[in-house]
Structures are given as structure tokens and as C-alpha cells.
């Protein structure tokens, strides 16, 4: 989207704390809440692409409340099951005009939605990992929350970059990424190798002990499983409730790598661009998002012989 338009949109969003609560399979309940606007009965839901969500643990108890077979969005409000977490959502900008390292599908800017940890996590992190630089498990050049950017600073778990077209009523998810998950996996591998080491050991940006590292890894283990689901669930809630838009596009792995000019050695995990959108009931399509369907973009794609495939979700 145009940089100035993105900045104006950002200025309209909450500047400080927006809390987002997530527990396992909440995304399924949220999608069913949205789907119930179009599918008014359980029978209709079972015939839709959302049918698989009805089989999720916890969903059956909600559906059982619909004694007459009719559903409404209120049935799905307030869903919760333990364990769960509360996150701090913040928004920012990513400038897509800076060249090939921007990794955007078109020039302009992306709105960044960040899933940040809560205060309890950050206290545990600082006590056990002892980072000796800002943003201990995040890259400086990535669109994470920076100190001083908001009154409430928290470490960033993950972020999503969004290209938004208000006139076309659609959003393109450019990427979902987490530096933190990669660092935690690296810490886990190193801790396994250092089983006999006593005392302090260091890594890039932190110093800890083996026992403290293991305590932190045990504490965050559930987050390493569900982080991408929580991030995409936050995107869908943001698009639906904050932006009021009805169509979300998501890159397939092959199209994303080609369109954003990502070298294969630096390409993201394929699961983020296959398993994740399918889990959220996105449908694969050869249709091109309206925000990319202009003459210059078509010439560019034809020149590079890119066969486009996207995932699409109608809210």
C-alpha cells in the first residue's frame, strides 16, 4: 500500500495497549463465529469449508448449546481453555521502498501487526536468559517492537506484515515470522549438547546457565507449538474487527519466494505457507489479489514467467 496511506491508517489505530488472549484451537472458534454470519445452522456449517473446525476439541461443547441446530456468533464468544496466554498487540510500519531486502510484493509499505509477550514472560526471560543487548532473541533490522516506540515495551514473539487495500476490501499477508522461535530452537539444541557443562555459558546476546536455560525452555514450550496459530488468529481478528475488511489473501510458498525476490537459501519454512493457511480454511486459488492486478505487475510476472497461486479466505 502507499506509504502515506499506511501511515495514516497506523495513526488511526490504538497507540498503547491492545491485549490479545489466545489458547489452543481458539482460531477454530473465531473462524466459526465469523462463518456463522453466512451459515446459520450446524447443517450448513458441516457442508462448508469450515466443517473440519467442528471436530476440534472444545468446539463440540459450544455446538451442543445449539439445541435447535441454529447458530449465532454469540455462541462462540468467551471461549477459553487452559493453557492459554495473554499477549500485547502493537502495530507498526515496514517500508517496502528500500529495495530487494524489503521482501514485499509491490513497492510501498506494509502494516506490521506484532504479537508481543506479556510482562510475566519478560520477567522470566530476563531472570533466566539474562540478555545483554536489546531485543535479546530478535533481529534489529526486523519489524519487532523497539524500546521507546510504545509506552509499554515487551519482547516480540512474532509479527505479520500486511499489504492492505481498503478500496478493494482485501488484505494480503506478506509474511508471518518469528526470530524468537528460531533462537529458542537453537538454545534447545545447544542445551542438549551441554548436558555436562557446569556454570555459566554464553550465546549471542545473552548469558545464562544450563539449569536456567532449561527452566526457560520448559516454560515456553507450549508457545513454540502454537505461535504461528496465535499470530494468524490475531491477524484475522484485526482484519475483521479493526479494519472491517472481508477478504484475506495469503502467499503460497512458491509464489511468495518468486514475487518477493527471496533467495532459496533464505526462504521461510514451507509449513508457514502450506499447513498454516490450510488449517485456517484458506482455499488455494489461481485468482490474483486485486491489489496486485495492475498492468505493470502483470508485465513483471509475465517477464519472469511466474505462475501465481494464492490462498484466499472470505470472512
Protein backbone atom coordinates (compact mmCIF):
# COMPACT_ATOMS: atom_id res chain seq x y z
CA UNK A 1 0.00 0.00 0.00
CA UNK A 2 1.05 3.61 -0.41
CA UNK A 3 3.41 4.67 2.39
CA UNK A 4 1.40 7.77 3.34
CA UNK A 5 -1.84 5.78 3.32
CA UNK A 6 -0.22 3.18 5.58
CA UNK A 7 0.99 5.90 7.95
CA UNK A 8 -2.48 7.47 8.13
CA UNK A 9 -4.01 4.08 8.86
CA UNK A 10 -1.45 3.45 11.59
CA UNK A 11 -2.28 6.81 13.16
CA UNK A 12 -5.91 5.70 13.48
CA UNK A 13 -5.03 2.57 15.48
CA UNK A 14 -4.61 2.36 19.28
CA UNK A 15 -1.20 3.64 20.32
CA UNK A 16 -0.72 1.82 23.58
CA UNK A 17 -2.03 -1.48 24.94
CA UNK A 18 -4.25 -3.84 22.95
CA UNK A 19 -4.45 -7.22 24.64
CA UNK A 20 -4.97 -10.45 22.72
CA UNK A 21 -5.79 -13.66 24.56
CA UNK A 22 -5.11 -16.96 22.85
CA UNK A 23 -5.48 -20.61 23.77
CA UNK A 24 -5.16 -23.74 21.67
CA UNK A 25 -7.85 -24.01 18.97
CA UNK A 26 -9.24 -20.55 19.65
CA UNK A 27 -8.67 -19.83 15.94
CA UNK A 28 -11.27 -22.51 15.10
CA UNK A 29 -13.86 -20.87 17.36
CA UNK A 30 -13.11 -17.42 15.93
CA UNK A 31 -13.48 -18.66 12.35
CA UNK A 32 -16.77 -20.38 13.21
CA UNK A 33 -18.01 -17.16 14.78
CA UNK A 34 -17.28 -15.33 11.53
CA UNK A 35 -18.69 -18.17 9.39
CA UNK A 36 -21.95 -18.16 11.36
CA UNK A 37 -22.85 -14.84 9.70
CA UNK A 38 -23.32 -16.73 6.42
CA UNK A 39 -24.10 -20.24 7.63
CA UNK A 40 -26.97 -20.02 10.05
CA UNK A 41 -27.23 -23.69 11.02
CA UNK A 42 -24.95 -26.53 12.04
CA UNK A 43 -26.03 -28.40 8.91
CA UNK A 44 -24.87 -25.52 6.70
CA UNK A 45 -21.55 -25.30 8.56
CA UNK A 46 -20.98 -29.03 8.03
CA UNK A 47 -21.41 -28.51 4.28
CA UNK A 48 -18.99 -25.58 4.17
CA UNK A 49 -15.19 -25.46 4.06
CA UNK A 50 -15.31 -24.79 7.82
CA UNK A 51 -16.70 -28.26 8.58
CA UNK A 52 -13.39 -29.61 9.91
CA UNK A 53 -13.33 -26.96 12.63
CA UNK A 54 -16.40 -28.52 14.26
CA UNK A 55 -14.27 -31.53 15.20
CA UNK A 56 -11.79 -29.51 17.24
CA UNK A 57 -11.60 -30.20 20.99
CA UNK A 58 -13.73 -27.73 22.88
CA UNK A 59 -15.88 -26.82 19.90
CA UNK A 60 -18.31 -29.70 20.43
CA UNK A 61 -19.36 -28.34 23.83
CA UNK A 62 -20.19 -24.98 22.25
CA UNK A 63 -22.19 -26.59 19.46
CA UNK A 64 -24.14 -28.63 21.99
CA UNK A 65 -25.73 -25.39 23.19
CA UNK A 66 -27.45 -25.02 19.82
CA UNK A 67 -30.30 -27.37 20.65
CA UNK A 68 -32.39 -26.42 17.62
CA UNK A 69 -29.46 -26.65 15.19
CA UNK A 70 -29.29 -22.89 14.59
CA UNK A 71 -26.13 -20.96 15.42
CA UNK A 72 -25.25 -17.33 16.01
CA UNK A 73 -21.97 -15.58 16.69
CA UNK A 74 -22.79 -15.23 20.38
CA UNK A 75 -22.40 -18.98 20.89
CA UNK A 76 -18.67 -18.66 20.18
CA UNK A 77 -17.92 -15.65 22.38
CA UNK A 78 -15.89 -16.14 25.53
CA UNK A 79 -14.31 -19.46 24.55
CA UNK A 80 -11.29 -20.38 26.67
CA UNK A 81 -9.35 -23.45 27.69
CA UNK A 82 -6.10 -23.83 29.57
CA UNK A 83 -3.24 -23.42 28.99
CA UNK A 84 -3.56 -20.00 27.39
CA UNK A 85 -1.67 -16.72 27.17
CA UNK A 86 -2.30 -13.01 27.02
CA UNK A 87 -0.24 -11.04 24.50
CA UNK A 88 0.31 -7.37 23.77
CA UNK A 89 -0.59 -6.45 20.18
CA UNK A 90 1.15 -3.49 18.60
CA UNK A 91 1.18 -2.12 15.07
CA UNK A 92 3.98 -0.55 13.07
CA UNK A 93 5.19 0.17 9.53
CA UNK A 94 7.55 -1.67 7.20
CA UNK A 95 8.91 0.42 4.34
CA UNK A 96 8.76 -1.59 1.11
CA UNK A 97 10.57 1.07 -0.90
CA UNK A 98 14.07 0.14 0.25
CA UNK A 99 14.94 -2.40 -2.44
CA UNK A 100 15.19 -6.15 -2.67
CA UNK A 101 15.66 -6.62 1.07
CA UNK A 102 12.16 -5.28 1.69
CA UNK A 103 10.62 -8.60 0.56
CA UNK A 104 7.31 -7.02 -0.41
CA UNK A 105 5.17 -8.00 -3.39
CA UNK A 106 4.92 -4.39 -4.57
CA UNK A 107 6.53 -1.07 -3.71
CA UNK A 108 5.06 0.92 -0.88
CA UNK A 109 4.61 -0.11 2.72
CA UNK A 110 3.22 -2.87 4.88
CA UNK A 111 1.35 -2.51 8.13
CA UNK A 112 3.04 -4.72 10.73
CA UNK A 113 1.00 -6.48 13.38
CA UNK A 114 3.22 -7.67 16.23
CA UNK A 115 2.43 -10.32 18.82
CA UNK A 116 4.41 -9.30 21.89
CA UNK A 117 4.87 -11.18 25.15
CA UNK A 118 3.34 -10.14 28.46
CA UNK A 119 5.17 -8.79 31.50
CA UNK A 120 5.31 -12.18 33.24
CA UNK A 121 7.19 -13.72 30.32
CA UNK A 122 9.65 -10.84 30.05
CA UNK A 123 10.48 -11.02 33.75
CA UNK A 124 11.08 -14.76 33.45
CA UNK A 125 13.14 -14.21 30.29
CA UNK A 126 15.34 -11.52 31.84
CA UNK A 127 15.86 -13.52 35.03
CA UNK A 128 16.81 -16.80 33.35
CA UNK A 129 18.36 -15.85 29.99
CA UNK A 130 19.92 -12.52 31.05
CA UNK A 131 20.07 -10.79 27.64
CA UNK A 132 22.94 -8.31 27.36
CA UNK A 133 21.57 -6.42 24.36
CA UNK A 134 18.16 -5.01 23.46
CA UNK A 135 15.67 -7.41 21.87
CA UNK A 136 17.68 -10.42 23.02
CA UNK A 137 16.11 -13.00 20.72
CA UNK A 138 15.11 -10.68 17.86
CA UNK A 139 16.97 -9.15 14.93
CA UNK A 140 17.46 -5.37 14.98
CA UNK A 141 16.57 -4.96 11.31
CA UNK A 142 13.26 -6.81 11.63
CA UNK A 143 9.94 -5.11 12.41
CA UNK A 144 9.83 -6.03 16.10
CA UNK A 145 8.73 -3.69 18.86
CA UNK A 146 11.58 -1.33 19.80
CA UNK A 147 12.17 0.30 23.15
CA UNK A 148 10.64 3.76 23.26
CA UNK A 149 8.25 3.06 20.39
CA UNK A 150 5.38 2.48 22.82
CA UNK A 151 5.00 3.25 26.49
CA UNK A 152 4.72 -0.46 27.22
CA UNK A 153 7.75 -2.32 25.86
CA UNK A 154 7.61 -6.10 25.55
CA UNK A 155 9.76 -8.64 23.74
CA UNK A 156 8.27 -9.69 20.38
CA UNK A 157 7.17 -13.27 19.82
CA UNK A 158 6.16 -12.92 16.15
CA UNK A 159 4.96 -10.47 13.53
CA UNK A 160 2.86 -10.38 10.39
CA UNK A 161 3.35 -7.94 7.52
CA UNK A 162 0.11 -6.90 5.80
CA UNK A 163 -0.46 -5.18 2.46
CA UNK A 164 -3.89 -3.55 2.75
CA UNK A 165 -6.21 -2.20 0.07
CA UNK A 166 -9.25 -0.58 1.67
CA UNK A 167 -10.93 0.18 -1.66
CA UNK A 168 -10.63 -3.43 -2.83
CA UNK A 169 -11.79 -4.70 0.59
CA UNK A 170 -8.80 -7.03 0.93
CA UNK A 171 -5.55 -7.75 2.76
CA UNK A 172 -2.51 -9.72 1.58
CA UNK A 173 -0.49 -11.43 4.31
CA UNK A 174 3.06 -10.90 3.08
CA UNK A 175 4.74 -12.92 5.80
CA UNK A 176 4.42 -14.40 9.26
CA UNK A 177 7.75 -14.74 11.01
CA UNK A 178 9.43 -15.19 14.39
CA UNK A 179 13.08 -14.65 15.26
CA UNK A 180 12.30 -15.73 18.82
CA UNK A 181 11.23 -19.25 17.82
CA UNK A 182 14.42 -19.78 15.84
CA UNK A 183 16.54 -18.60 18.78
CA UNK A 184 14.68 -20.83 21.23
CA UNK A 185 15.21 -23.86 18.99
CA UNK A 186 18.90 -23.02 18.82
CA UNK A 187 19.07 -22.69 22.60
CA UNK A 188 17.36 -26.07 22.96
CA UNK A 189 19.88 -27.78 20.68
CA UNK A 190 22.81 -26.19 22.47
CA UNK A 191 21.44 -27.09 25.91
CA UNK A 192 21.17 -30.72 24.82
CA UNK A 193 24.84 -30.73 23.76
CA UNK A 194 25.97 -29.09 27.00
CA UNK A 195 24.43 -31.66 29.32
CA UNK A 196 27.62 -31.96 31.40
CA UNK A 197 28.62 -28.29 31.46
CA UNK A 198 28.61 -26.58 34.84
CA UNK A 199 28.28 -22.86 35.47
CA UNK A 200 27.65 -20.04 33.02
CA UNK A 201 27.55 -20.31 29.25
CA UNK A 202 27.07 -17.59 26.68
CA UNK A 203 25.30 -17.11 23.38
CA UNK A 204 24.92 -14.17 21.03
CA UNK A 205 23.19 -11.51 23.10
CA UNK A 206 22.78 -13.48 26.34
CA UNK A 207 24.49 -15.32 29.18
CA UNK A 208 22.82 -17.98 31.26
CA UNK A 209 23.40 -21.30 32.99
CA UNK A 210 22.29 -24.71 31.84
CA UNK A 211 19.71 -25.07 34.60
CA UNK A 212 18.25 -21.62 33.92
CA UNK A 213 18.14 -22.23 30.17
CA UNK A 214 16.29 -25.49 30.75
CA UNK A 215 13.84 -23.78 33.09
CA UNK A 216 13.09 -21.15 30.44
CA UNK A 217 12.72 -23.74 27.68
CA UNK A 218 10.23 -25.71 29.77
CA UNK A 219 8.31 -22.51 30.50
CA UNK A 220 7.90 -21.54 26.84
CA UNK A 221 7.50 -24.98 25.26
CA UNK A 222 3.74 -24.50 24.56
CA UNK A 223 4.46 -21.23 22.75
CA UNK A 224 6.84 -22.88 20.28
CA UNK A 225 3.98 -25.16 19.17
CA UNK A 226 1.20 -22.60 18.83
CA UNK A 227 2.93 -19.31 17.96
CA UNK A 228 2.01 -19.28 14.26
CA UNK A 229 -1.62 -20.13 15.01
CA UNK A 230 -1.78 -17.32 17.57
CA UNK A 231 -0.23 -14.87 15.09
CA UNK A 232 -2.59 -15.68 12.22
CA UNK A 233 -5.57 -15.70 14.61
CA UNK A 234 -4.58 -12.19 15.69
CA UNK A 235 -4.37 -11.12 12.03
CA UNK A 236 -7.86 -12.42 11.28
CA UNK A 237 -9.36 -10.75 14.33
CA UNK A 238 -7.58 -7.49 13.44
CA UNK A 239 -8.80 -7.57 9.82
CA UNK A 240 -12.34 -8.47 10.84
CA UNK A 241 -12.92 -6.27 13.87
CA UNK A 242 -10.47 -3.39 13.43
CA UNK A 243 -10.33 -2.94 9.65
CA UNK A 244 -13.75 -4.39 8.78
CA UNK A 245 -12.46 -6.00 5.57
CA UNK A 246 -13.81 -9.25 4.20
CA UNK A 247 -11.11 -10.92 2.08
CA UNK A 248 -7.68 -12.12 3.19
CA UNK A 249 -5.02 -13.39 0.77
CA UNK A 250 -2.01 -15.43 1.81
CA UNK A 251 1.05 -16.35 -0.25
CA UNK A 252 1.78 -19.91 -1.26
CA UNK A 253 5.43 -20.75 -0.64
CA UNK A 254 6.45 -20.83 -4.32
CA UNK A 255 4.60 -17.63 -5.25
CA UNK A 256 5.88 -15.79 -2.19
CA UNK A 257 9.51 -16.67 -2.86
CA UNK A 258 9.23 -15.62 -6.51
CA UNK A 259 7.16 -12.48 -6.06
CA UNK A 260 9.14 -11.10 -3.11
CA UNK A 261 12.53 -11.96 -4.58
CA UNK A 262 13.67 -14.20 -1.73
CA UNK A 263 16.74 -16.33 -2.34
CA UNK A 264 16.02 -20.00 -1.76
CA UNK A 265 18.70 -20.29 0.91
CA UNK A 266 16.85 -17.64 2.94
CA UNK A 267 13.32 -18.84 2.19
CA UNK A 268 10.88 -19.31 5.09
CA UNK A 269 9.67 -22.73 6.29
CA UNK A 270 7.21 -24.27 3.82
CA UNK A 271 4.79 -25.16 6.63
CA UNK A 272 4.04 -21.47 7.21
CA UNK A 273 2.82 -21.24 3.62
CA UNK A 274 1.04 -24.59 3.33
CA UNK A 275 -0.10 -26.23 6.58
CA UNK A 276 -0.90 -22.98 8.40
CA UNK A 277 -3.28 -21.36 5.87
CA UNK A 278 -4.99 -24.70 5.18
CA UNK A 279 -5.55 -25.18 8.91
CA UNK A 280 -7.33 -21.81 8.87
CA UNK A 281 -9.60 -22.88 5.97
CA UNK A 282 -7.92 -20.78 3.28
CA UNK A 283 -8.64 -22.09 -0.21
CA UNK A 284 -5.87 -22.25 -2.81
CA UNK A 285 -6.67 -20.26 -5.93
CA UNK A 286 -5.14 -19.10 -9.21
CA UNK A 287 -7.02 -15.80 -8.79
CA UNK A 288 -4.81 -12.73 -8.31
CA UNK A 289 -5.49 -10.26 -5.47
CA UNK A 290 -6.91 -7.01 -6.81
CA UNK A 291 -4.08 -5.05 -5.19
CA UNK A 292 -1.61 -6.89 -7.47
CA UNK A 293 -3.76 -6.99 -10.61
CA UNK A 294 -2.41 -3.96 -12.44
CA UNK A 295 -0.68 -3.70 -15.81
CA UNK A 296 2.86 -3.19 -14.50
CA UNK A 297 2.54 -6.14 -12.14
CA UNK A 298 1.22 -8.40 -14.90
CA UNK A 299 4.13 -7.42 -17.17
CA UNK A 300 6.58 -8.19 -14.40
CA UNK A 301 5.01 -11.60 -13.76
CA UNK A 302 4.88 -12.45 -17.45
CA UNK A 303 8.52 -11.44 -17.86
CA UNK A 304 9.60 -13.81 -15.10
CA UNK A 305 7.07 -16.49 -16.09
CA UNK A 306 5.67 -16.74 -12.57
CA UNK A 307 2.59 -18.94 -12.23
CA UNK A 308 0.75 -17.42 -9.31
CA UNK A 309 -1.12 -19.35 -6.64
CA UNK A 310 -2.55 -17.74 -3.53
CA UNK A 311 -4.64 -18.82 -0.57
CA UNK A 312 -7.90 -16.93 -0.09
CA UNK A 313 -10.24 -16.61 2.88
CA UNK A 314 -13.60 -14.87 2.65
CA UNK A 315 -14.76 -13.57 6.02
